[in-house]
Amino acid sequence: MPYDVDAGPSVPRRGRRPAFNPAGPSGPAPARWRAVAGALLGGMLAALLGTALHAQVLRVGELALPLGAAAALVLAGSVITWCGLWARSILIAALSGGTAYLIVALVSLSAETLILTGIEGPGPKPAAVLAGNIWMFGLAAATIVGIAACGAALRGHRPGGTGPTGN
């Protein structure tokens, strides 16, 4: 009877799968070029959707809460983490986050900027400036958090499908 250190004895029975799947729960990791293409596409989508979302402000009396910027950061962090987990590589997560940040930085340099940071231009509203700053500079933090979450989830997984040895 085969025995797996992590899962115990693996006795094939009718209607049951083996106790240990070396390829992981979702199959083997994608090819490297697919992973890079997915990271670039994910970074572009996170940047463009986050830029469109970040300016949504909730007004409660005189108080303006930049909820769109917070939602954009959650969206970007989720996409970055998903890209890394899909490819099973924290480098792919970093590539996705770097792509998103590069696109957001390039968009913010435009004369007709979509991201209001308050650095130039005739007096945008303070809530819009706050939302722009949260999105622009918070994206770096969301990238780091996404990479860390991906690294924590992938800890113990080895290329080739071998799991931790327990040593």
C-alpha atoms as a PDB file:
ATOM      1  CA  MET A   1       0.000   0.000   0.000  1.00  0.00           C
ATOM      2  CA  PRO A   2       1.504   3.389  -1.004  1.00  0.00           C
ATOM      3  CA  TYR A   3       2.081   5.810   1.839  1.00  0.00           C
ATOM      4  CA  ASP A   4       2.409   9.590   1.633  1.00  0.00           C
ATOM      5  CA  VAL A   5       4.109  11.386   4.534  1.00  0.00           C
ATOM      6  CA  ASP A   6       1.747  14.356   4.338  1.00  0.00           C
ATOM      7  CA  ALA A   7      -1.561  12.620   3.674  1.00  0.00           C
ATOM      8  CA  GLY A   8      -1.149   9.138   5.150  1.00  0.00           C
ATOM      9  CA  PRO A   9      -2.006   5.931   3.356  1.00  0.00           C
ATOM     10  CA  SER A  10      -3.417   6.326  -0.124  1.00  0.00           C
ATOM     11  CA  VAL A  11      -5.790   3.500  -0.812  1.00  0.00           C
ATOM     12  CA  PRO A  12      -7.650   3.905  -4.098  1.00  0.00           C
ATOM     13  CA  ARG A  13     -11.358   3.316  -3.534  1.00  0.00           C
ATOM     14  CA  ARG A  14     -14.330   3.621  -5.787  1.00  0.00           C
ATOM     15  CA  GLY A  15     -15.387   7.260  -6.080  1.00  0.00           C
ATOM     16  CA  ARG A  16     -12.321   8.638  -4.248  1.00  0.00           C
ATOM     17  CA  ARG A  17      -9.331  10.487  -5.553  1.00  0.00           C
ATOM     18  CA  PRO A  18      -5.812   9.746  -4.367  1.00  0.00           C
ATOM     19  CA  ALA A  19      -4.860  11.524  -1.131  1.00  0.00           C
ATOM     20  CA  PHE A  20      -2.003  13.486  -2.684  1.00  0.00           C
ATOM     21  CA  ASN A  21      -1.944  15.398  -5.974  1.00  0.00           C
ATOM     22  CA  PRO A  22       1.652  16.390  -6.794  1.00  0.00           C
ATOM     23  CA  ALA A  23       0.531  18.932  -9.380  1.00  0.00           C
ATOM     24  CA  GLY A  24      -1.474  20.858  -6.795  1.00  0.00           C
ATOM     25  CA  PRO A  25      -5.193  21.521  -6.600  1.00  0.00           C
ATOM     26  CA  SER A  26      -5.452  23.374  -9.914  1.00  0.00           C
ATOM     27  CA  GLY A  27      -3.013  21.431 -12.058  1.00  0.00           C
ATOM     28  CA  PRO A  28       0.473  22.329 -13.170  1.00  0.00           C
ATOM     29  CA  ALA A  29       1.720  25.913 -13.290  1.00  0.00           C
ATOM     30  CA  PRO A  30       1.286  27.704 -16.637  1.00  0.00           C
ATOM     31  CA  ALA A  31       4.156  28.029 -19.087  1.00  0.00           C
ATOM     32  CA  ARG A  32       6.537  30.909 -18.337  1.00  0.00           C
ATOM     33  CA  TRP A  33       5.448  33.003 -21.341  1.00  0.00           C
ATOM     34  CA  ARG A  34       1.794  32.622 -20.346  1.00  0.00           C
ATOM     35  CA  ALA A  35       2.621  33.657 -16.809  1.00  0.00           C
ATOM     36  CA  VAL A  36       4.468  36.780 -18.003  1.00  0.00           C
ATOM     37  CA  ALA A  37       1.653  37.667 -20.416  1.00  0.00           C
ATOM     38  CA  GLY A  38      -0.909  37.155 -17.635  1.00  0.00           C
ATOM     39  CA  ALA A  39       1.093  39.357 -15.261  1.00  0.00           C
ATOM     40  CA  LEU A  40       1.342  42.145 -17.834  1.00  0.00           C
ATOM     41  CA  LEU A  41      -2.365  41.909 -18.661  1.00  0.00           C
ATOM     42  CA  GLY A  42      -3.299  41.779 -14.971  1.00  0.00           C
ATOM     43  CA  GLY A  43      -1.130  44.815 -14.224  1.00  0.00           C
ATOM     44  CA  MET A  44      -2.685  46.765 -17.088  1.00  0.00           C
ATOM     45  CA  LEU A  45      -6.219  45.873 -15.991  1.00  0.00           C
ATOM     46  CA  ALA A  46      -5.512  46.726 -12.354  1.00  0.00           C
ATOM     47  CA  ALA A  47      -4.032  50.088 -13.357  1.00  0.00           C
ATOM     48  CA  LEU A  48      -6.817  51.066 -15.736  1.00  0.00           C
ATOM     49  CA  LEU A  49      -9.724  49.852 -13.622  1.00  0.00           C
ATOM     50  CA  GLY A  50      -8.191  51.275 -10.451  1.00  0.00           C
ATOM     51  CA  THR A  51      -7.625  54.635 -12.136  1.00  0.00           C
ATOM     52  CA  ALA A  52     -11.262  54.701 -13.212  1.00  0.00           C
ATOM     53  CA  LEU A  53     -12.445  53.689  -9.728  1.00  0.00           C
ATOM     54  CA  HIS A  54     -10.222  55.760  -7.442  1.00  0.00           C
ATOM     55  CA  ALA A  55     -12.067  59.078  -7.851  1.00  0.00           C
ATOM     56  CA  GLN A  56     -15.330  57.820  -6.319  1.00  0.00           C
ATOM     57  CA  VAL A  57     -15.878  59.814  -3.134  1.00  0.00           C
ATOM     58  CA  LEU A  58     -18.614  59.250  -0.540  1.00  0.00           C
ATOM     59  CA  ARG A  59     -19.858  62.473   0.993  1.00  0.00           C
ATOM     60  CA  VAL A  60     -21.228  62.379   4.538  1.00  0.00           C
ATOM     61  CA  GLY A  61     -22.205  65.926   5.388  1.00  0.00           C
ATOM     62  CA  GLU A  62     -19.012  67.985   5.084  1.00  0.00           C
ATOM     63  CA  LEU A  63     -16.811  64.893   5.227  1.00  0.00           C
ATOM     64  CA  ALA A  64     -15.558  63.345   1.959  1.00  0.00           C
ATOM     65  CA  LEU A  65     -14.424  59.725   2.206  1.00  0.00           C
ATOM     66  CA  PRO A  66     -12.292  58.436  -0.714  1.00  0.00           C
ATOM     67  CA  LEU A  67     -13.840  54.954  -0.788  1.00  0.00           C
ATOM     68  CA  GLY A  68     -13.050  54.563  -4.485  1.00  0.00           C
ATOM     69  CA  ALA A  69      -9.319  54.802  -3.780  1.00  0.00           C
ATOM     70  CA  ALA A  70      -9.569  52.138  -1.089  1.00  0.00           C
ATOM     71  CA  ALA A  71     -11.599  49.896  -3.410  1.00  0.00           C
ATOM     72  CA  ALA A  72      -9.060  50.449  -6.200  1.00  0.00           C
ATOM     73  CA  LEU A  73      -6.236  49.356  -3.882  1.00  0.00           C
ATOM     74  CA  VAL A  74      -8.143  46.222  -2.851  1.00  0.00           C
ATOM     75  CA  LEU A  75      -8.794  45.469  -6.528  1.00  0.00           C
ATOM     76  CA  ALA A  76      -5.139  45.959  -7.472  1.00  0.00           C
ATOM     77  CA  GLY A  77      -3.860  43.896  -4.536  1.00  0.00           C
ATOM     78  CA  SER A  78      -6.264  41.089  -5.415  1.00  0.00           C
ATOM     79  CA  VAL A  79      -5.201  41.050  -9.068  1.00  0.00           C
ATOM     80  CA  ILE A  80      -1.514  41.075  -8.102  1.00  0.00           C
ATOM     81  CA  THR A  81      -2.014  38.205  -5.660  1.00  0.00           C
ATOM     82  CA  TRP A  82      -4.114  36.236  -8.136  1.00  0.00           C
ATOM     83  CA  CYS A  83      -1.486  36.583 -10.878  1.00  0.00           C
ATOM     84  CA  GLY A  84       1.232  35.292  -8.563  1.00  0.00           C
ATOM     85  CA  LEU A  85      -0.853  32.379  -7.297  1.00  0.00           C
ATOM     86  CA  TRP A  86      -1.984  31.441 -10.794  1.00  0.00           C
ATOM     87  CA  ALA A  87       1.621  31.312 -11.996  1.00  0.00           C
ATOM     88  CA  ARG A  88       2.876  29.997  -8.626  1.00  0.00           C
ATOM     89  CA  SER A  89       5.597  32.647  -8.573  1.00  0.00           C
ATOM     90  CA  ILE A  90       6.108  35.741  -6.453  1.00  0.00           C
ATOM     91  CA  LEU A  91       8.193  37.181  -9.302  1.00  0.00           C
ATOM     92  CA  ILE A  92       5.094  37.141 -11.495  1.00  0.00           C
ATOM     93  CA  ALA A  93       3.172  38.913  -8.722  1.00  0.00           C
ATOM     94  CA  ALA A  94       5.934  41.530  -8.590  1.00  0.00           C
ATOM     95  CA  LEU A  95       5.820  41.913 -12.383  1.00  0.00           C
ATOM     96  CA  SER A  96       2.064  42.453 -12.264  1.00  0.00           C
ATOM     97  CA  GLY A  97       2.350  45.072  -9.516  1.00  0.00           C
ATOM     98  CA  GLY A  98       5.270  46.785 -11.226  1.00  0.00           C
ATOM     99  CA  THR A  99       3.332  46.960 -14.472  1.00  0.00           C
ATOM    100  CA  ALA A 100       0.344  48.487 -12.701  1.00  0.00           C
ATOM    101  CA  TYR A 101       2.510  51.047 -10.920  1.00  0.00           C
ATOM    102  CA  LEU A 102       4.391  51.971 -14.102  1.00  0.00           C
ATOM    103  CA  ILE A 103       1.152  52.561 -15.997  1.00  0.00           C
ATOM    104  CA  VAL A 104      -0.322  54.636 -13.165  1.00  0.00           C
ATOM    105  CA  ALA A 105       2.883  56.691 -12.934  1.00  0.00           C
ATOM    106  CA  LEU A 106       2.908  57.307 -16.696  1.00  0.00           C
ATOM    107  CA  VAL A 107      -0.755  58.323 -16.687  1.00  0.00           C
ATOM    108  CA  SER A 108      -0.127  60.749 -13.820  1.00  0.00           C
ATOM    109  CA  LEU A 109       2.602  62.520 -15.807  1.00  0.00           C
ATOM    110  CA  SER A 110       0.188  63.468 -18.589  1.00  0.00           C
ATOM    111  CA  ALA A 111      -0.835  67.118 -19.001  1.00  0.00           C
ATOM    112  CA  GLU A 112      -4.493  66.029 -18.952  1.00  0.00           C
ATOM    113  CA  THR A 113      -3.923  63.731 -16.008  1.00  0.00           C
ATOM    114  CA  LEU A 114      -6.589  61.350 -14.817  1.00  0.00           C
ATOM    115  CA  ILE A 115      -4.925  61.014 -11.434  1.00  0.00           C
ATOM    116  CA  LEU A 116      -5.091  64.185  -9.383  1.00  0.00           C
ATOM    117  CA  THR A 117      -2.161  64.466  -7.005  1.00  0.00           C
ATOM    118  CA  GLY A 118      -2.337  68.204  -6.377  1.00  0.00           C
ATOM    119  CA  ILE A 119       1.202  68.770  -7.634  1.00  0.00           C
ATOM    120  CA  GLU A 120       0.200  70.847 -10.660  1.00  0.00           C
ATOM    121  CA  GLY A 121      -2.891  72.463 -12.065  1.00  0.00           C
ATOM    122  CA  PRO A 122      -5.423  75.012 -10.882  1.00  0.00           C
ATOM    123  CA  GLY A 123      -6.848  73.905  -7.566  1.00  0.00           C
ATOM    124  CA  PRO A 124      -8.632  70.568  -7.761  1.00  0.00           C
ATOM    125  CA  LYS A 125     -10.947  69.687  -4.905  1.00  0.00           C
ATOM    126  CA  PRO A 126      -9.157  68.416  -1.763  1.00  0.00           C
ATOM    127  CA  ALA A 127     -11.113  65.117  -1.776  1.00  0.00           C
ATOM    128  CA  ALA A 128      -9.988  64.399  -5.339  1.00  0.00           C
ATOM    129  CA  VAL A 129      -6.386  65.204  -4.440  1.00  0.00           C
ATOM    130  CA  LEU A 130      -6.563  62.890  -1.426  1.00  0.00           C
ATOM    131  CA  ALA A 131      -8.053  60.084  -3.543  1.00  0.00           C
ATOM    132  CA  GLY A 132      -5.341  60.567  -6.175  1.00  0.00           C
ATOM    133  CA  ASN A 133      -2.568  60.437  -3.596  1.00  0.00           C
ATOM    134  CA  ILE A 134      -4.027  57.357  -1.921  1.00  0.00           C
ATOM    135  CA  TRP A 135      -4.250  55.571  -5.293  1.00  0.00           C
ATOM    136  CA  MET A 136      -0.856  56.694  -6.598  1.00  0.00           C
ATOM    137  CA  PHE A 137       1.210  55.957  -3.511  1.00  0.00           C
ATOM    138  CA  GLY A 138      -0.981  53.234  -2.025  1.00  0.00           C
ATOM    139  CA  LEU A 139      -0.465  51.100  -5.125  1.00  0.00           C
ATOM    140  CA  ALA A 140       3.135  50.506  -4.065  1.00  0.00           C
ATOM    141  CA  ALA A 141       1.903  49.247  -0.678  1.00  0.00           C
ATOM    142  CA  ALA A 142      -0.778  47.102  -2.347  1.00  0.00           C
ATOM    143  CA  THR A 143       1.928  45.567  -4.544  1.00  0.00           C
ATOM    144  CA  ILE A 144       4.068  44.700  -1.516  1.00  0.00           C
ATOM    145  CA  VAL A 145       1.069  43.249   0.328  1.00  0.00           C
ATOM    146  CA  GLY A 146       0.093  41.214  -2.748  1.00  0.00           C
ATOM    147  CA  ILE A 147       3.620  39.831  -3.093  1.00  0.00           C
ATOM    148  CA  ALA A 148       3.733  38.976   0.620  1.00  0.00           C
ATOM    149  CA  ALA A 149       0.339  37.257   0.487  1.00  0.00           C
ATOM    150  CA  CYS A 150       1.423  35.303  -2.564  1.00  0.00           C
ATOM    151  CA  GLY A 151       4.681  34.306  -0.872  1.00  0.00           C
ATOM    152  CA  ALA A 152       2.852  33.166   2.256  1.00  0.00           C
ATOM    153  CA  ALA A 153       0.395  31.100   0.246  1.00  0.00           C
ATOM    154  CA  LEU A 154       3.136  29.523  -1.856  1.00  0.00           C
ATOM    155  CA  ARG A 155       5.431  28.760   1.080  1.00  0.00           C
ATOM    156  CA  GLY A 156       6.251  25.085   1.082  1.00  0.00           C
ATOM    157  CA  HIS A 157       5.382  24.498  -2.560  1.00  0.00           C
ATOM    158  CA  ARG A 158       8.328  23.460  -4.688  1.00  0.00           C
ATOM    159  CA  PRO A 159       8.663  23.533  -8.481  1.00  0.00           C
ATOM    160  CA  GLY A 160       7.879  20.164  -9.966  1.00  0.00           C
ATOM    161  CA  GLY A 161       5.051  19.447  -7.558  1.00  0.00           C
ATOM    162  CA  THR A 162       7.002  18.231  -4.533  1.00  0.00           C
ATOM    163  CA  GLY A 163       5.656  19.384  -1.213  1.00  0.00           C
ATOM    164  CA  PRO A 164       7.489  20.118   2.021  1.00  0.00           C
ATOM    165  CA  THR A 165       9.471  17.260   3.484  1.00  0.00           C
ATOM    166  CA  GLY A 166       8.715  18.039   7.115  1.00  0.00           C
ATOM    167  CA  ASN A 167      12.395  18.285   8.056  1.00  0.00           C
END
